[in-house]
Amino acid sequence: MLVQAILIGLIAMFVTFEWMFGTNLGSRPIITGMLVGLVMGDLKTGIILGATLEMVFIGSITLGAAVPPDVITGGILGAAFAISTGKGADVALALAFPIATLYLVVDNVLTLGILPFFLHKADNYIEKGDFKGMERMHILVYCIVDI
């Protein structure tokens, strides 16, 4: 179970960084559901859940300043909980959107409440010429933004 949780975390990390390779849509539930199913030993259910969640999240794209619920978190955790409980698409649909919306709230709190503090610290390091300290703040800010 622990190995599966770690592998699912690695899937989430990998698909979060899809922007490094261009927008290849690897973070969509139809892909992540299949990967979660593969890790959890039920590929068929993973594909079915991924396709079902893709229909729900199909319009979830960022347009301008509007940020939709997080597709990656909702898709991966919805599929993982549905497969682990054996309940199927009903559980995946019931959990995916609330999880995605909760993640969006947490992400906004981190971005608006905590991130400016670290950015000001990075500015102070730059003014002092401490580029090692600035680099540490840069890495920390990068990790906070991409949680």
Protein backbone atom coordinates (compact mmCIF):
# COMPACT_ATOMS: atom_id res chain seq x y z
CA MET A 1 0.00 0.00 0.00
CA LEU A 2 2.85 2.39 0.84
CA VAL A 3 4.59 1.60 -2.44
CA GLN A 4 1.36 2.32 -4.32
CA ALA A 5 0.97 5.65 -2.51
CA ILE A 6 4.54 6.63 -3.39
CA LEU A 7 4.06 5.62 -7.03
CA ILE A 8 0.80 7.60 -7.23
CA GLY A 9 2.65 10.59 -5.76
CA LEU A 10 5.34 10.19 -8.42
CA ILE A 11 2.65 10.08 -11.12
CA ALA A 12 1.18 13.31 -9.76
CA MET A 13 4.61 14.93 -9.68
CA PHE A 14 5.43 13.83 -13.22
CA VAL A 15 2.17 15.00 -14.79
CA THR A 16 2.32 18.31 -12.88
CA PHE A 17 5.49 19.16 -14.77
CA GLU A 18 3.99 18.51 -18.20
CA TRP A 19 4.54 22.17 -19.08
CA MET A 20 8.26 21.38 -19.33
CA PHE A 21 7.52 19.24 -22.38
CA GLY A 22 4.84 21.44 -23.89
CA THR A 23 1.16 20.93 -23.35
CA ASN A 24 0.81 17.25 -24.11
CA LEU A 25 -2.39 16.77 -22.06
CA GLY A 26 -0.72 14.07 -19.98
CA SER A 27 -2.29 15.54 -16.86
CA ARG A 28 -5.83 14.86 -18.01
CA PRO A 29 -7.86 12.26 -16.06
CA ILE A 30 -8.04 9.92 -19.04
CA ILE A 31 -4.25 9.48 -18.78
CA THR A 32 -3.84 9.75 -15.01
CA GLY A 33 -6.71 7.33 -14.36
CA MET A 34 -5.02 4.74 -16.54
CA LEU A 35 -1.69 5.26 -14.74
CA VAL A 36 -3.33 5.01 -11.31
CA GLY A 37 -5.12 1.83 -12.41
CA LEU A 38 -1.82 0.39 -13.60
CA VAL A 39 -0.15 1.15 -10.25
CA MET A 40 -3.07 -0.20 -8.24
CA GLY A 41 -3.29 -3.40 -10.27
CA ASP A 42 -6.65 -2.74 -11.95
CA LEU A 43 -5.90 -1.24 -15.35
CA LYS A 44 -9.39 -1.79 -16.76
CA THR A 45 -11.07 0.08 -13.90
CA GLY A 46 -8.43 2.81 -14.12
CA ILE A 47 -9.21 3.37 -17.80
CA ILE A 48 -12.97 3.43 -17.13
CA LEU A 49 -12.57 5.84 -14.22
CA GLY A 50 -10.19 8.02 -16.21
CA ALA A 51 -12.66 8.27 -19.09
CA THR A 52 -15.55 9.00 -16.71
CA LEU A 53 -13.60 11.72 -14.89
CA GLU A 54 -12.42 13.16 -18.21
CA MET A 55 -16.06 13.78 -19.14
CA VAL A 56 -16.58 15.67 -15.88
CA PHE A 57 -13.38 17.71 -16.15
CA ILE A 58 -13.45 18.22 -19.93
CA GLY A 59 -14.24 21.92 -19.63
CA SER A 60 -11.77 22.56 -16.81
CA ILE A 61 -9.22 24.75 -18.49
CA THR A 62 -7.71 28.02 -17.38
CA LEU A 63 -9.03 30.99 -19.31
CA GLY A 64 -7.58 34.35 -18.36
CA ALA A 65 -7.67 34.80 -14.59
CA ALA A 66 -10.32 32.11 -14.02
CA VAL A 67 -8.77 29.07 -12.36
CA PRO A 68 -10.81 25.86 -12.48
CA PRO A 69 -10.64 23.10 -9.86
CA ASP A 70 -7.37 21.18 -10.08
CA VAL A 71 -7.82 18.41 -12.63
CA ILE A 72 -4.66 16.53 -11.62
CA THR A 73 -5.48 16.22 -7.93
CA GLY A 74 -9.15 15.45 -8.47
CA GLY A 75 -8.50 12.92 -11.21
CA ILE A 76 -5.70 11.05 -9.46
CA LEU A 77 -7.20 10.94 -5.98
CA GLY A 78 -10.72 10.28 -7.25
CA ALA A 79 -9.50 7.30 -9.24
CA ALA A 80 -7.25 6.04 -6.44
CA PHE A 81 -10.03 6.15 -3.81
CA ALA A 82 -12.52 4.53 -6.19
CA ILE A 83 -10.15 1.67 -7.05
CA SER A 84 -9.05 1.12 -3.45
CA THR A 85 -12.64 0.94 -2.17
CA GLY A 86 -13.83 -1.10 -5.15
CA LYS A 87 -16.90 1.12 -5.53
CA GLY A 88 -16.25 2.29 -9.09
CA ALA A 89 -17.18 5.45 -10.95
CA ASP A 90 -19.79 6.57 -8.40
CA VAL A 91 -17.15 7.13 -5.72
CA ALA A 92 -14.72 8.66 -8.22
CA LEU A 93 -17.32 11.20 -9.34
CA ALA A 94 -18.44 11.94 -5.79
CA LEU A 95 -14.90 12.61 -4.59
CA ALA A 96 -13.06 14.08 -7.58
CA PHE A 97 -14.66 17.51 -7.75
CA PRO A 98 -14.68 18.24 -3.98
CA ILE A 99 -11.02 17.16 -3.75
CA ALA A 100 -10.10 19.29 -6.78
CA THR A 101 -11.94 22.30 -5.36
CA LEU A 102 -10.38 21.89 -1.92
CA TYR A 103 -6.94 21.70 -3.51
CA LEU A 104 -7.69 24.91 -5.42
CA VAL A 105 -8.54 26.68 -2.16
CA VAL A 106 -5.35 25.42 -0.49
CA ASP A 107 -3.28 26.42 -3.52
CA ASN A 108 -4.78 29.92 -3.50
CA VAL A 109 -4.06 30.33 0.21
CA LEU A 110 -0.45 29.26 -0.34
CA THR A 111 -0.03 31.49 -3.37
CA LEU A 112 -1.65 34.59 -1.87
CA GLY A 113 -0.75 34.22 1.79
CA ILE A 114 2.59 32.48 2.08
CA LEU A 115 4.34 33.06 -1.25
CA PRO A 116 4.77 36.87 -0.86
CA PHE A 117 6.62 36.36 2.44
CA PHE A 118 9.24 34.17 0.75
CA LEU A 119 9.49 36.48 -2.24
CA HIS A 120 10.31 39.41 0.06
CA LYS A 121 12.97 37.28 1.75
CA ALA A 122 14.44 36.51 -1.68
CA ASP A 123 14.47 40.24 -2.49
CA ASN A 124 16.37 40.91 0.75
CA TYR A 125 18.95 38.25 -0.13
CA ILE A 126 19.42 39.82 -3.57
CA GLU A 127 19.91 43.30 -2.07
CA LYS A 128 22.60 41.87 0.25
CA GLY A 129 24.26 40.03 -2.64
CA ASP A 130 23.61 36.64 -1.00
CA PHE A 131 22.84 34.60 -4.10
CA LYS A 132 22.98 31.27 -2.23
CA GLY A 133 20.17 32.47 0.06
CA MET A 134 18.24 33.75 -2.94
CA GLU A 135 18.64 30.39 -4.64
CA ARG A 136 17.28 28.59 -1.56
CA MET A 137 14.26 30.92 -1.53
CA HIS A 138 13.75 30.36 -5.26
CA ILE A 139 13.65 26.59 -4.78
CA LEU A 140 11.29 26.94 -1.81
CA VAL A 141 8.95 29.25 -3.73
CA TYR A 142 9.03 26.89 -6.71
CA CYS A 143 8.02 23.99 -4.45
CA ILE A 144 5.19 26.00 -2.84
CA VAL A 145 3.75 27.09 -6.19
CA ASP A 146 3.88 23.60 -7.69
CA ILE A 147 2.53 21.61 -4.74
